[in-house]
Amino acid sequence: MNKEKEFINIINKLLNKDLNKDIVVGIGDDAAILSGNKQNKKVICSDSIVEDLHFKFDYFSFKNIGWKSIAINSSDLAAMGAVPEYFTVSIGVPSHISNKNFEQLILGMKECCDSHGGFIVGGDIVKSEKLFISITAVGSLFQRGFLTRSSAKPGDKIAVTGNLGDSLGGLKLLSNNNTIENKLTLSHLKPSPRIFESEKLIEAGVKCCMDISDGLNNDLLNLSESSKVSLEINVEEIPVSKELMDLFPTNYIDIAINGGEDYELLFTFDDSKIKLPFNHFVIGRVLEKNAKNIFYKNKGKIFEPRIDSWSHFE
């Protein structure tokens, strides 16, 4: 178990006993859901990005940093079946940040809100040795139900909304001083939360979903543990862009399985009852709980991917 999960377990142990009837979904999912008005349940989440851990000034513009800080929170709302409404933003600002830099940072946030929904309504500014942004997002659920990572059922198909690995591929290019703008680098610098697809999942009757922020393998483990099921993944069905295959011909599958920050949606559904009105990719199926959480196969044969998942603390 990695350090982040150890910390989350401590939080769950100490705080989940305090949950009350107004909390529909609490600690452990992409966001919390509060009962509130029966016609308009509120969804709340928070996420942070920190200089040199989540972004580097070598290749991130201030506008892209601002955009990404909003986008990752909007993605957590989408994972629950919610549309963004409001954001509060706390920013730690180093002394070298100019007024122009700060203006670009805020413009990036505004552009993401204008594109995907929500308004910035407050926050805090403090002095810091490194730039960090911490955001709390509030959203409203679409009219029918909500999504959680704990509702996968044996027999469900496992699917994703788009290509995987592009963000990590883009990061590898950027880290090697390849700053030419292309599909991979843009995927890392300026991700798009899947708000439209989230709404369509709710309308179709899907119940189980999460966003792919920590990499496919890590998030499959999270889904497996939350739903108490095992998962079988066909690696040949994992969607991978032509750009990733062309630029990383020998290891694009490993990048797709391990890469974080794709912000596609990972969901399960009963394909005998649910028809989805948008392009998606079925990559496996849900099994009864087994001793092993995830079984990878390649064209029917057991496949052992190289697992090298990123962690905040390692």
C-alpha atoms as a PDB file:
ATOM      1  CA  MET A   1       0.000   0.000   0.000  1.00  0.00           C
ATOM      2  CA  ASN A   2       1.390   3.417  -0.929  1.00  0.00           C
ATOM      3  CA  LYS A   3       1.684   6.314   1.510  1.00  0.00           C
ATOM      4  CA  GLU A   4      -1.276   8.227   0.056  1.00  0.00           C
ATOM      5  CA  LYS A   5      -3.615   5.262   0.653  1.00  0.00           C
ATOM      6  CA  GLU A   6      -2.224   4.868   4.171  1.00  0.00           C
ATOM      7  CA  PHE A   7      -3.108   8.488   4.895  1.00  0.00           C
ATOM      8  CA  ILE A   8      -6.594   8.064   3.398  1.00  0.00           C
ATOM      9  CA  ASN A   9      -7.168   5.005   5.587  1.00  0.00           C
ATOM     10  CA  ILE A  10      -6.279   7.079   8.671  1.00  0.00           C
ATOM     11  CA  ILE A  11      -8.758   9.762   7.586  1.00  0.00           C
ATOM     12  CA  ASN A  12     -11.487   7.167   7.013  1.00  0.00           C
ATOM     13  CA  LYS A  13     -10.835   5.543  10.391  1.00  0.00           C
ATOM     14  CA  LEU A  14     -11.020   8.819  12.317  1.00  0.00           C
ATOM     15  CA  LEU A  15     -13.678  10.744  10.400  1.00  0.00           C
ATOM     16  CA  ASN A  16     -16.122   8.442   8.605  1.00  0.00           C
ATOM     17  CA  LYS A  17     -17.804   7.552  11.900  1.00  0.00           C
ATOM     18  CA  ASP A  18     -18.941  11.187  12.095  1.00  0.00           C
ATOM     19  CA  LEU A  19     -20.970  11.068   8.859  1.00  0.00           C
ATOM     20  CA  ASN A  20     -24.605  12.067   9.257  1.00  0.00           C
ATOM     21  CA  LYS A  21     -27.797  11.526   7.292  1.00  0.00           C
ATOM     22  CA  ASP A  22     -27.183  14.609   5.113  1.00  0.00           C
ATOM     23  CA  ILE A  23     -24.129  12.969   3.528  1.00  0.00           C
ATOM     24  CA  VAL A  24     -25.142  10.699   0.654  1.00  0.00           C
ATOM     25  CA  VAL A  25     -21.568   9.823  -0.380  1.00  0.00           C
ATOM     26  CA  GLY A  26     -18.671  10.616   1.938  1.00  0.00           C
ATOM     27  CA  ILE A  27     -14.922  10.078   2.111  1.00  0.00           C
ATOM     28  CA  GLY A  28     -13.414   7.649  -0.417  1.00  0.00           C
ATOM     29  CA  ASP A  29     -14.954   8.638  -3.743  1.00  0.00           C
ATOM     30  CA  ASP A  30     -14.021  11.332  -6.277  1.00  0.00           C
ATOM     31  CA  ALA A  31     -16.268  13.805  -4.432  1.00  0.00           C
ATOM     32  CA  ALA A  32     -18.793  13.995  -1.610  1.00  0.00           C
ATOM     33  CA  ILE A  33     -22.538  14.265  -2.216  1.00  0.00           C
ATOM     34  CA  LEU A  34     -24.771  16.154   0.231  1.00  0.00           C
ATOM     35  CA  SER A  35     -28.500  15.528   0.314  1.00  0.00           C
ATOM     36  CA  GLY A  36     -29.603  19.198   0.564  1.00  0.00           C
ATOM     37  CA  ASN A  37     -32.590  19.934  -1.637  1.00  0.00           C
ATOM     38  CA  LYS A  38     -33.981  16.675  -3.055  1.00  0.00           C
ATOM     39  CA  GLN A  39     -34.115  18.273  -6.498  1.00  0.00           C
ATOM     40  CA  ASN A  40     -30.590  19.660  -6.376  1.00  0.00           C
ATOM     41  CA  LYS A  41     -28.059  17.624  -4.396  1.00  0.00           C
ATOM     42  CA  LYS A  42     -24.671  19.325  -4.012  1.00  0.00           C
ATOM     43  CA  VAL A  43     -21.385  17.667  -4.907  1.00  0.00           C
ATOM     44  CA  ILE A  44     -18.178  18.930  -3.260  1.00  0.00           C
ATOM     45  CA  CYS A  45     -14.531  18.091  -3.939  1.00  0.00           C
ATOM     46  CA  SER A  46     -11.095  19.625  -3.581  1.00  0.00           C
ATOM     47  CA  ASP A  47      -7.761  19.143  -5.288  1.00  0.00           C
ATOM     48  CA  SER A  48      -4.377  20.849  -5.279  1.00  0.00           C
ATOM     49  CA  ILE A  49      -1.449  21.292  -7.622  1.00  0.00           C
ATOM     50  CA  VAL A  50       2.050  22.155  -6.437  1.00  0.00           C
ATOM     51  CA  GLU A  51       5.074  23.532  -8.294  1.00  0.00           C
ATOM     52  CA  ASP A  52       7.728  20.901  -9.158  1.00  0.00           C
ATOM     53  CA  LEU A  53       5.333  18.084  -8.213  1.00  0.00           C
ATOM     54  CA  HIS A  54       2.418  18.610 -10.609  1.00  0.00           C
ATOM     55  CA  PHE A  55       3.903  21.233 -12.933  1.00  0.00           C
ATOM     56  CA  LYS A  56       7.198  22.874 -13.825  1.00  0.00           C
ATOM     57  CA  PHE A  57       7.738  26.384 -15.144  1.00  0.00           C
ATOM     58  CA  ASP A  58      10.137  24.892 -17.721  1.00  0.00           C
ATOM     59  CA  TYR A  59       7.152  24.008 -19.896  1.00  0.00           C
ATOM     60  CA  PHE A  60       3.932  25.156 -18.189  1.00  0.00           C
ATOM     61  CA  SER A  61       2.631  28.646 -18.926  1.00  0.00           C
ATOM     62  CA  PHE A  62       0.845  30.436 -16.099  1.00  0.00           C
ATOM     63  CA  LYS A  63      -2.352  30.294 -18.130  1.00  0.00           C
ATOM     64  CA  ASN A  64      -2.077  26.506 -18.499  1.00  0.00           C
ATOM     65  CA  ILE A  65      -1.415  26.123 -14.747  1.00  0.00           C
ATOM     66  CA  GLY A  66      -4.591  28.065 -14.022  1.00  0.00           C
ATOM     67  CA  TRP A  67      -6.600  26.036 -16.542  1.00  0.00           C
ATOM     68  CA  LYS A  68      -5.395  22.708 -15.171  1.00  0.00           C
ATOM     69  CA  SER A  69      -6.161  23.641 -11.557  1.00  0.00           C
ATOM     70  CA  ILE A  70      -9.838  24.124 -12.456  1.00  0.00           C
ATOM     71  CA  ALA A  71     -10.007  21.217 -14.933  1.00  0.00           C
ATOM     72  CA  ILE A  72      -8.893  18.553 -12.459  1.00  0.00           C
ATOM     73  CA  ASN A  73     -11.593  19.580  -9.982  1.00  0.00           C
ATOM     74  CA  SER A  74     -14.227  19.697 -12.724  1.00  0.00           C
ATOM     75  CA  SER A  75     -13.174  16.164 -13.682  1.00  0.00           C
ATOM     76  CA  ASP A  76     -13.852  14.938 -10.134  1.00  0.00           C
ATOM     77  CA  LEU A  77     -17.337  16.446 -10.338  1.00  0.00           C
ATOM     78  CA  ALA A  78     -17.911  14.770 -13.715  1.00  0.00           C
ATOM     79  CA  ALA A  79     -16.873  11.434 -12.202  1.00  0.00           C
ATOM     80  CA  MET A  80     -19.853  11.720  -9.832  1.00  0.00           C
ATOM     81  CA  GLY A  81     -22.320  12.860 -12.491  1.00  0.00           C
ATOM     82  CA  ALA A  82     -22.250  16.563 -11.644  1.00  0.00           C
ATOM     83  CA  VAL A  83     -21.827  19.843 -13.488  1.00  0.00           C
ATOM     84  CA  PRO A  84     -19.516  22.531 -12.011  1.00  0.00           C
ATOM     85  CA  GLU A  85     -21.169  25.505 -10.318  1.00  0.00           C
ATOM     86  CA  TYR A  86     -18.737  27.313  -8.006  1.00  0.00           C
ATOM     87  CA  PHE A  87     -15.051  27.282  -7.087  1.00  0.00           C
ATOM     88  CA  THR A  88     -13.082  28.794  -4.225  1.00  0.00           C
ATOM     89  CA  VAL A  89      -9.382  29.159  -4.933  1.00  0.00           C
ATOM     90  CA  SER A  90      -6.489  29.364  -2.457  1.00  0.00           C
ATOM     91  CA  ILE A  91      -3.133  30.327  -3.979  1.00  0.00           C
ATOM     92  CA  GLY A  92       0.341  30.264  -2.447  1.00  0.00           C
ATOM     93  CA  VAL A  93       2.362  32.889  -4.324  1.00  0.00           C
ATOM     94  CA  PRO A  94       6.194  33.067  -4.383  1.00  0.00           C
ATOM     95  CA  SER A  95       7.821  36.505  -4.357  1.00  0.00           C
ATOM     96  CA  HIS A  96       9.083  36.160  -7.959  1.00  0.00           C
ATOM     97  CA  ILE A  97       5.537  35.985  -9.401  1.00  0.00           C
ATOM     98  CA  SER A  98       4.754  39.268 -11.191  1.00  0.00           C
ATOM     99  CA  ASN A  99       1.359  40.898 -11.576  1.00  0.00           C
ATOM    100  CA  LYS A 100       1.412  39.830 -15.243  1.00  0.00           C
ATOM    101  CA  ASN A 101       2.140  36.226 -14.264  1.00  0.00           C
ATOM    102  CA  PHE A 102      -0.698  36.289 -11.758  1.00  0.00           C
ATOM    103  CA  GLU A 103      -3.071  37.776 -14.305  1.00  0.00           C
ATOM    104  CA  GLN A 104      -2.304  34.944 -16.738  1.00  0.00           C
ATOM    105  CA  LEU A 105      -2.884  32.391 -13.973  1.00  0.00           C
ATOM    106  CA  ILE A 106      -6.352  33.772 -13.240  1.00  0.00           C
ATOM    107  CA  LEU A 107      -7.164  34.070 -16.955  1.00  0.00           C
ATOM    108  CA  GLY A 108      -6.414  30.363 -17.359  1.00  0.00           C
ATOM    109  CA  MET A 109      -8.853  29.555 -14.563  1.00  0.00           C
ATOM    110  CA  LYS A 110     -11.507  31.789 -16.118  1.00  0.00           C
ATOM    111  CA  GLU A 111     -11.089  30.232 -19.563  1.00  0.00           C
ATOM    112  CA  CYS A 112     -11.587  26.738 -18.134  1.00  0.00           C
ATOM    113  CA  CYS A 113     -14.718  27.911 -16.278  1.00  0.00           C
ATOM    114  CA  ASP A 114     -16.016  29.558 -19.461  1.00  0.00           C
ATOM    115  CA  SER A 115     -15.444  26.325 -21.397  1.00  0.00           C
ATOM    116  CA  HIS A 116     -16.709  23.737 -18.891  1.00  0.00           C
ATOM    117  CA  GLY A 117     -18.899  25.586 -16.399  1.00  0.00           C
ATOM    118  CA  GLY A 118     -18.754  27.194 -12.991  1.00  0.00           C
ATOM    119  CA  PHE A 119     -17.684  30.499 -11.468  1.00  0.00           C
ATOM    120  CA  ILE A 120     -14.887  31.446  -9.085  1.00  0.00           C
ATOM    121  CA  VAL A 121     -16.545  33.007  -6.045  1.00  0.00           C
ATOM    122  CA  GLY A 122     -13.751  33.459  -3.502  1.00  0.00           C
ATOM    123  CA  GLY A 123     -10.642  32.030  -1.917  1.00  0.00           C
ATOM    124  CA  ASP A 124      -7.399  33.080  -0.280  1.00  0.00           C
ATOM    125  CA  ILE A 125      -3.925  34.319  -1.236  1.00  0.00           C
ATOM    126  CA  VAL A 126      -0.830  33.664   0.888  1.00  0.00           C
ATOM    127  CA  LYS A 127       2.914  33.986   0.416  1.00  0.00           C
ATOM    128  CA  SER A 128       4.711  30.729  -0.309  1.00  0.00           C
ATOM    129  CA  GLU A 129       8.147  29.463  -1.306  1.00  0.00           C
ATOM    130  CA  LYS A 130       6.601  27.607  -4.265  1.00  0.00           C
ATOM    131  CA  LEU A 131       3.455  28.225  -6.253  1.00  0.00           C
ATOM    132  CA  PHE A 132       0.548  26.061  -5.177  1.00  0.00           C
ATOM    133  CA  ILE A 133      -3.161  26.186  -5.944  1.00  0.00           C
ATOM    134  CA  SER A 134      -5.801  24.488  -3.823  1.00  0.00           C
ATOM    135  CA  ILE A 135      -9.387  24.522  -5.057  1.00  0.00           C
ATOM    136  CA  THR A 136     -12.718  23.527  -3.600  1.00  0.00           C
ATOM    137  CA  ALA A 137     -15.384  22.852  -6.224  1.00  0.00           C
ATOM    138  CA  VAL A 138     -19.139  22.715  -5.785  1.00  0.00           C
ATOM    139  CA  GLY A 139     -21.393  21.146  -8.399  1.00  0.00           C
ATOM    140  CA  SER A 140     -24.964  20.023  -8.932  1.00  0.00           C
ATOM    141  CA  LEU A 141     -26.013  16.558  -9.996  1.00  0.00           C
ATOM    142  CA  PHE A 142     -27.748  16.000 -13.277  1.00  0.00           C
ATOM    143  CA  GLN A 143     -31.437  15.165 -12.826  1.00  0.00           C
ATOM    144  CA  ARG A 144     -31.199  11.358 -12.640  1.00  0.00           C
ATOM    145  CA  GLY A 145     -29.078   9.807  -9.922  1.00  0.00           C
ATOM    146  CA  PHE A 146     -25.339   9.944  -9.400  1.00  0.00           C
ATOM    147  CA  LEU A 147     -22.178   7.925 -10.073  1.00  0.00           C
ATOM    148  CA  THR A 148     -19.855   6.223  -7.582  1.00  0.00           C
ATOM    149  CA  ARG A 149     -16.819   3.974  -7.808  1.00  0.00           C
ATOM    150  CA  SER A 150     -18.442   1.443  -5.451  1.00  0.00           C
ATOM    151  CA  SER A 151     -21.302   0.258  -7.676  1.00  0.00           C
ATOM    152  CA  ALA A 152     -19.631  -2.066 -10.221  1.00  0.00           C
ATOM    153  CA  LYS A 153     -21.391  -5.431 -10.581  1.00  0.00           C
ATOM    154  CA  PRO A 154     -20.062  -8.804 -11.806  1.00  0.00           C
ATOM    155  CA  GLY A 155     -20.952  -9.153 -15.481  1.00  0.00           C
ATOM    156  CA  ASP A 156     -20.643  -5.423 -16.187  1.00  0.00           C
ATOM    157  CA  LYS A 157     -18.468  -4.297 -19.066  1.00  0.00           C
ATOM    158  CA  ILE A 158     -15.574  -1.945 -18.234  1.00  0.00           C
ATOM    159  CA  ALA A 159     -15.149   1.060 -20.517  1.00  0.00           C
ATOM    160  CA  VAL A 160     -13.332   4.374 -20.890  1.00  0.00           C
ATOM    161  CA  THR A 161     -14.289   7.546 -22.714  1.00  0.00           C
ATOM    162  CA  GLY A 162     -11.070   8.105 -24.673  1.00  0.00           C
ATOM    163  CA  ASN A 163      -7.402   7.461 -25.359  1.00  0.00           C
ATOM    164  CA  LEU A 164      -5.107   6.648 -22.444  1.00  0.00           C
ATOM    165  CA  GLY A 165      -1.446   7.498 -21.980  1.00  0.00           C
ATOM    166  CA  ASP A 166      -1.384  10.750 -23.964  1.00  0.00           C
ATOM    167  CA  SER A 167      -0.762  12.892 -20.872  1.00  0.00           C
ATOM    168  CA  LEU A 168       2.190  10.803 -19.665  1.00  0.00           C
ATOM    169  CA  GLY A 169       3.538  10.680 -23.213  1.00  0.00           C
ATOM    170  CA  GLY A 170       3.257  14.467 -23.352  1.00  0.00           C
ATOM    171  CA  LEU A 171       5.037  14.803 -20.005  1.00  0.00           C
ATOM    172  CA  LYS A 172       7.879  12.593 -21.240  1.00  0.00           C
ATOM    173  CA  LEU A 173       8.279  14.826 -24.308  1.00  0.00           C
ATOM    174  CA  LEU A 174       8.156  18.014 -22.257  1.00  0.00           C
ATOM    175  CA  SER A 175      10.621  16.652 -19.698  1.00  0.00           C
ATOM    176  CA  ASN A 176      13.061  15.946 -22.543  1.00  0.00           C
ATOM    177  CA  ASN A 177      12.847  19.591 -23.670  1.00  0.00           C
ATOM    178  CA  ASN A 178      10.545  18.755 -26.581  1.00  0.00           C
ATOM    179  CA  THR A 179       8.200  21.725 -26.295  1.00  0.00           C
ATOM    180  CA  ILE A 180       6.692  21.385 -29.776  1.00  0.00           C
ATOM    181  CA  GLU A 181       2.925  21.634 -29.333  1.00  0.00           C
ATOM    182  CA  ASN A 182       1.196  18.401 -30.328  1.00  0.00           C
ATOM    183  CA  LYS A 183      -1.679  16.197 -29.209  1.00  0.00           C
ATOM    184  CA  LEU A 184       0.342  14.603 -26.404  1.00  0.00           C
ATOM    185  CA  THR A 185       1.785  17.769 -24.887  1.00  0.00           C
ATOM    186  CA  LEU A 186      -1.580  19.538 -25.093  1.00  0.00           C
ATOM    187  CA  SER A 187      -3.196  16.585 -23.314  1.00  0.00           C
ATOM    188  CA  HIS A 188      -0.813  17.095 -20.399  1.00  0.00           C
ATOM    189  CA  LEU A 189      -0.853  20.893 -20.315  1.00  0.00           C
ATOM    190  CA  LYS A 190      -4.551  21.524 -20.949  1.00  0.00           C
ATOM    191  CA  PRO A 191      -6.780  18.530 -20.083  1.00  0.00           C
ATOM    192  CA  SER A 192     -10.531  18.604 -20.698  1.00  0.00           C
ATOM    193  CA  PRO A 193     -12.970  17.271 -18.086  1.00  0.00           C
ATOM    194  CA  ARG A 194     -15.621  14.956 -19.543  1.00  0.00           C
ATOM    195  CA  ILE A 195     -18.716  16.892 -18.480  1.00  0.00           C
ATOM    196  CA  PHE A 196     -20.792  15.986 -21.575  1.00  0.00           C
ATOM    197  CA  GLU A 197     -20.030  12.276 -21.303  1.00  0.00           C
ATOM    198  CA  SER A 198     -20.853  12.345 -17.587  1.00  0.00           C
ATOM    199  CA  GLU A 199     -24.327  13.695 -18.289  1.00  0.00           C
ATOM    200  CA  LYS A 200     -24.924  11.031 -20.939  1.00  0.00           C
ATOM    201  CA  LEU A 201     -23.816   8.270 -18.545  1.00  0.00           C
ATOM    202  CA  ILE A 202     -26.393   9.448 -16.017  1.00  0.00           C
ATOM    203  CA  GLU A 203     -29.116   9.662 -18.669  1.00  0.00           C
ATOM    204  CA  ALA A 204     -28.312   6.117 -19.841  1.00  0.00           C
ATOM    205  CA  GLY A 205     -28.551   4.693 -16.319  1.00  0.00           C
ATOM    206  CA  VAL A 206     -24.862   4.023 -15.587  1.00  0.00           C
ATOM    207  CA  LYS A 207     -24.102   3.806 -11.846  1.00  0.00           C
ATOM    208  CA  CYS A 208     -20.356   3.166 -11.549  1.00  0.00           C
ATOM    209  CA  CYS A 209     -17.741   5.692 -12.633  1.00  0.00           C
ATOM    210  CA  MET A 210     -14.525   7.479 -11.683  1.00  0.00           C
ATOM    211  CA  ASP A 211     -12.032   9.649 -13.517  1.00  0.00           C
ATOM    212  CA  ILE A 212      -8.588   8.432 -14.538  1.00  0.00           C
ATOM    213  CA  SER A 213      -6.289  10.790 -12.681  1.00  0.00           C
ATOM    214  CA  ASP A 214      -3.740   8.418 -11.115  1.00  0.00           C
ATOM    215  CA  GLY A 215      -3.296   6.116 -14.103  1.00  0.00           C
ATOM    216  CA  LEU A 216      -5.445   3.259 -15.393  1.00  0.00           C
ATOM    217  CA  ASN A 217      -3.883   0.575 -13.186  1.00  0.00           C
ATOM    218  CA  ASN A 218      -4.135   2.632  -9.995  1.00  0.00           C
ATOM    219  CA  ASP A 219      -7.704   3.650 -10.703  1.00  0.00           C
ATOM    220  CA  LEU A 220      -8.745   0.100 -11.611  1.00  0.00           C
ATOM    221  CA  LEU A 221      -7.407  -0.922  -8.198  1.00  0.00           C
ATOM    222  CA  ASN A 222      -9.441   1.850  -6.565  1.00  0.00           C
ATOM    223  CA  LEU A 223     -12.591   0.740  -8.393  1.00  0.00           C
ATOM    224  CA  SER A 224     -11.942  -2.912  -7.554  1.00  0.00           C
ATOM    225  CA  GLU A 225     -11.443  -2.200  -3.854  1.00  0.00           C
ATOM    226  CA  SER A 226     -14.437   0.143  -3.593  1.00  0.00           C
ATOM    227  CA  SER A 227     -16.828  -2.229  -5.406  1.00  0.00           C
ATOM    228  CA  LYS A 228     -15.317  -5.406  -3.921  1.00  0.00           C
ATOM    229  CA  VAL A 229     -14.932  -7.036  -7.329  1.00  0.00           C
ATOM    230  CA  SER A 230     -12.123  -8.239  -9.579  1.00  0.00           C
ATOM    231  CA  LEU A 231     -11.523  -6.897 -13.060  1.00  0.00           C
ATOM    232  CA  GLU A 232     -10.378  -8.500 -16.312  1.00  0.00           C
ATOM    233  CA  ILE A 233      -8.719  -6.126 -18.782  1.00  0.00           C
ATOM    234  CA  ASN A 234      -7.977  -6.863 -22.447  1.00  0.00           C
ATOM    235  CA  VAL A 235      -4.926  -4.738 -23.175  1.00  0.00           C
ATOM    236  CA  GLU A 236      -5.433  -4.918 -26.945  1.00  0.00           C
ATOM    237  CA  GLU A 237      -8.725  -3.021 -26.431  1.00  0.00           C
ATOM    238  CA  ILE A 238      -7.203  -0.127 -24.463  1.00  0.00           C
ATOM    239  CA  PRO A 239      -7.568   2.934 -26.727  1.00  0.00           C
ATOM    240  CA  VAL A 240      -4.223   4.477 -27.628  1.00  0.00           C
ATOM    241  CA  SER A 241      -3.659   7.406 -29.965  1.00  0.00           C
ATOM    242  CA  LYS A 242      -1.653   7.079 -33.170  1.00  0.00           C
ATOM    243  CA  GLU A 243       0.621   9.852 -31.882  1.00  0.00           C
ATOM    244  CA  LEU A 244       1.494   7.864 -28.758  1.00  0.00           C
ATOM    245  CA  MET A 245       2.179   4.705 -30.775  1.00  0.00           C
ATOM    246  CA  ASP A 246       4.333   6.593 -33.281  1.00  0.00           C
ATOM    247  CA  LEU A 247       6.424   8.428 -30.673  1.00  0.00           C
ATOM    248  CA  PHE A 248       6.689   5.524 -28.182  1.00  0.00           C
ATOM    249  CA  PRO A 249       6.514   2.399 -30.379  1.00  0.00           C
ATOM    250  CA  THR A 250       8.103   0.009 -27.863  1.00  0.00           C
ATOM    251  CA  ASN A 251       6.287   0.957 -24.652  1.00  0.00           C
ATOM    252  CA  TYR A 252       3.019   2.693 -25.494  1.00  0.00           C
ATOM    253  CA  ILE A 253       0.977  -0.039 -23.752  1.00  0.00           C
ATOM    254  CA  ASP A 254       2.928   0.430 -20.513  1.00  0.00           C
ATOM    255  CA  ILE A 255       2.425   4.201 -20.805  1.00  0.00           C
ATOM    256  CA  ALA A 256      -1.318   3.734 -21.340  1.00  0.00           C
ATOM    257  CA  ILE A 257      -1.643   1.437 -18.306  1.00  0.00           C
ATOM    258  CA  ASN A 258       0.520   3.507 -15.944  1.00  0.00           C
ATOM    259  CA  GLY A 259       0.013   7.042 -17.184  1.00  0.00           C
ATOM    260  CA  GLY A 260      -1.829   9.478 -14.940  1.00  0.00           C
ATOM    261  CA  GLU A 261      -3.717  12.702 -15.594  1.00  0.00           C
ATOM    262  CA  ASP A 262      -5.659  11.515 -18.634  1.00  0.00           C
ATOM    263  CA  TYR A 263      -8.938  12.613 -16.981  1.00  0.00           C
ATOM    264  CA  GLU A 264     -10.987  10.267 -19.116  1.00  0.00           C
ATOM    265  CA  LEU A 265     -13.887   8.550 -17.360  1.00  0.00           C
ATOM    266  CA  LEU A 266     -13.599   4.893 -16.325  1.00  0.00           C
ATOM    267  CA  PHE A 267     -17.010   3.264 -15.905  1.00  0.00           C
ATOM    268  CA  THR A 268     -18.863  -0.054 -15.849  1.00  0.00           C
ATOM    269  CA  PHE A 269     -22.261  -0.883 -17.309  1.00  0.00           C
ATOM    270  CA  ASP A 270     -24.607  -3.702 -18.279  1.00  0.00           C
ATOM    271  CA  ASP A 271     -24.461  -3.631 -22.072  1.00  0.00           C
ATOM    272  CA  SER A 272     -27.601  -5.767 -22.340  1.00  0.00           C
ATOM    273  CA  LYS A 273     -29.632  -2.945 -20.792  1.00  0.00           C
ATOM    274  CA  ILE A 274     -27.666   0.260 -21.430  1.00  0.00           C
ATOM    275  CA  LYS A 275     -26.914   1.821 -24.805  1.00  0.00           C
ATOM    276  CA  LEU A 276     -24.533   4.764 -24.775  1.00  0.00           C
ATOM    277  CA  PRO A 277     -24.992   7.662 -27.231  1.00  0.00           C
ATOM    278  CA  PHE A 278     -21.309   8.606 -27.489  1.00  0.00           C
ATOM    279  CA  ASN A 279     -18.092   6.963 -28.628  1.00  0.00           C
ATOM    280  CA  HIS A 280     -16.552   4.798 -25.904  1.00  0.00           C
ATOM    281  CA  PHE A 281     -14.155   1.867 -25.601  1.00  0.00           C
ATOM    282  CA  VAL A 282     -14.924  -1.406 -23.810  1.00  0.00           C
ATOM    283  CA  ILE A 283     -11.662  -2.697 -22.309  1.00  0.00           C
ATOM    284  CA  GLY A 284     -12.800  -5.582 -20.097  1.00  0.00           C
ATOM    285  CA  ARG A 285     -15.368  -6.986 -17.721  1.00  0.00           C
ATOM    286  CA  VAL A 286     -16.167  -7.133 -14.013  1.00  0.00           C
ATOM    287  CA  LEU A 287     -15.689 -10.489 -12.238  1.00  0.00           C
ATOM    288  CA  GLU A 288     -16.665 -11.896  -8.879  1.00  0.00           C
ATOM    289  CA  LYS A 289     -14.184 -10.989  -6.164  1.00  0.00           C
ATOM    290  CA  ASN A 290     -11.017 -13.081  -6.456  1.00  0.00           C
ATOM    291  CA  ALA A 291      -7.692 -13.193  -4.659  1.00  0.00           C
ATOM    292  CA  LYS A 292      -6.328 -10.966  -7.411  1.00  0.00           C
ATOM    293  CA  ASN A 293      -7.813  -7.544  -8.120  1.00  0.00           C
ATOM    294  CA  ILE A 294      -6.894  -7.178 -11.797  1.00  0.00           C
ATOM    295  CA  PHE A 295      -6.307  -9.783 -14.499  1.00  0.00           C
ATOM    296  CA  TYR A 296      -4.625  -8.434 -17.642  1.00  0.00           C
ATOM    297  CA  LYS A 297      -4.984 -10.405 -20.875  1.00  0.00           C
ATOM    298  CA  ASN A 298      -3.686  -9.869 -24.393  1.00  0.00           C
ATOM    299  CA  LYS A 299      -5.790 -11.647 -27.042  1.00  0.00           C
ATOM    300  CA  GLY A 300      -6.955 -14.182 -24.471  1.00  0.00           C
ATOM    301  CA  LYS A 301      -3.561 -14.933 -22.947  1.00  0.00           C
ATOM    302  CA  ILE A 302      -2.372 -13.808 -19.514  1.00  0.00           C
ATOM    303  CA  PHE A 303      -0.406 -10.572 -19.790  1.00  0.00           C
ATOM    304  CA  GLU A 304       1.870  -9.072 -17.147  1.00  0.00           C
ATOM    305  CA  PRO A 305       2.303  -5.337 -17.740  1.00  0.00           C
ATOM    306  CA  ARG A 306       5.201  -3.395 -16.267  1.00  0.00           C
ATOM    307  CA  ILE A 307       3.575  -1.544 -13.395  1.00  0.00           C
ATOM    308  CA  ASP A 308       5.311   1.723 -12.561  1.00  0.00           C
ATOM    309  CA  SER A 309       2.501   3.899 -11.232  1.00  0.00           C
ATOM    310  CA  TRP A 310       3.190   7.427 -10.061  1.00  0.00           C
ATOM    311  CA  SER A 311       2.639   8.350  -6.403  1.00  0.00           C
ATOM    312  CA  HIS A 312       2.656  11.719  -4.644  1.00  0.00           C
ATOM    313  CA  PHE A 313       4.849  10.420  -1.829  1.00  0.00           C
ATOM    314  CA  GLU A 314       7.304   8.037  -3.535  1.00  0.00           C
END
